[in-house]
């Protein structure tokens, strides 16, 4: 999971630099907030899935 986060922030850094030179800083901030929200939603869904999977097949 750490590798994915590092790649995410490296990508966001490059998009941020590009947005600085094109003058689209507000768009960059909105994109960043949306992507952070989607990442947190994905983590929550994965956690629910793993909990559900463990409870569906209890150890005997």
Protein backbone atom coordinates (compact mmCIF):
# COMPACT_ATOMS: atom_id res chain seq x y z
CA UNK A 1 0.00 0.00 0.00
CA UNK A 2 2.92 2.35 0.69
CA UNK A 3 4.21 1.96 -2.85
CA UNK A 4 0.82 3.03 -4.22
CA UNK A 5 0.76 6.09 -1.97
CA UNK A 6 4.27 7.07 -3.03
CA UNK A 7 3.34 6.76 -6.70
CA UNK A 8 0.16 8.76 -6.06
CA UNK A 9 2.04 11.66 -4.48
CA UNK A 10 4.77 11.58 -7.13
CA UNK A 11 2.09 11.77 -9.81
CA UNK A 12 0.29 14.55 -7.99
CA UNK A 13 3.57 16.45 -7.70
CA UNK A 14 4.08 16.35 -11.46
CA UNK A 15 0.47 17.32 -12.11
CA UNK A 16 0.91 20.17 -9.59
CA UNK A 17 4.01 21.47 -11.38
CA UNK A 18 2.20 21.27 -14.71
CA UNK A 19 -0.85 23.06 -13.29
CA UNK A 20 1.39 25.81 -11.89
CA UNK A 21 2.80 26.56 -15.33
CA UNK A 22 -0.60 26.36 -17.04
CA UNK A 23 -2.37 28.46 -14.38
CA UNK A 24 -4.83 25.74 -13.36
CA UNK A 25 -4.11 25.66 -9.63
CA UNK A 26 -7.76 25.60 -8.56
CA UNK A 27 -8.41 22.64 -10.85
CA UNK A 28 -5.39 20.87 -9.35
CA UNK A 29 -6.63 21.41 -5.80
CA UNK A 30 -10.11 20.12 -6.68
CA UNK A 31 -8.63 17.09 -8.45
CA UNK A 32 -6.41 16.39 -5.43
CA UNK A 33 -9.37 16.54 -3.02
CA UNK A 34 -11.47 14.27 -5.23
CA UNK A 35 -8.66 11.72 -5.58
CA UNK A 36 -8.00 11.72 -1.81
CA UNK A 37 -11.72 11.14 -1.17
CA UNK A 38 -11.85 8.29 -3.68
CA UNK A 39 -8.74 6.70 -2.17
CA UNK A 40 -10.25 6.79 1.32
CA UNK A 41 -13.52 5.35 -0.01
CA UNK A 42 -11.60 2.55 -1.70
CA UNK A 43 -9.71 1.75 1.51
CA UNK A 44 -12.98 1.60 3.46
CA UNK A 45 -14.61 -0.71 0.92
CA UNK A 46 -11.55 -2.99 0.93
CA UNK A 47 -11.64 -3.12 4.74
CA UNK A 48 -15.36 -4.04 4.70
CA UNK A 49 -14.70 -6.69 2.06
CA UNK A 50 -11.88 -8.31 4.04
CA UNK A 51 -13.98 -8.28 7.23
CA UNK A 52 -16.92 -9.80 5.34
CA UNK A 53 -14.69 -12.44 3.78
CA UNK A 54 -13.28 -13.44 7.19
CA UNK A 55 -16.76 -13.64 8.76
CA UNK A 56 -18.19 -15.61 5.84
CA UNK A 57 -15.67 -18.43 6.31
CA UNK A 58 -15.12 -18.67 10.08
CA UNK A 59 -12.31 -20.98 11.22
CA UNK A 60 -13.46 -24.42 12.34
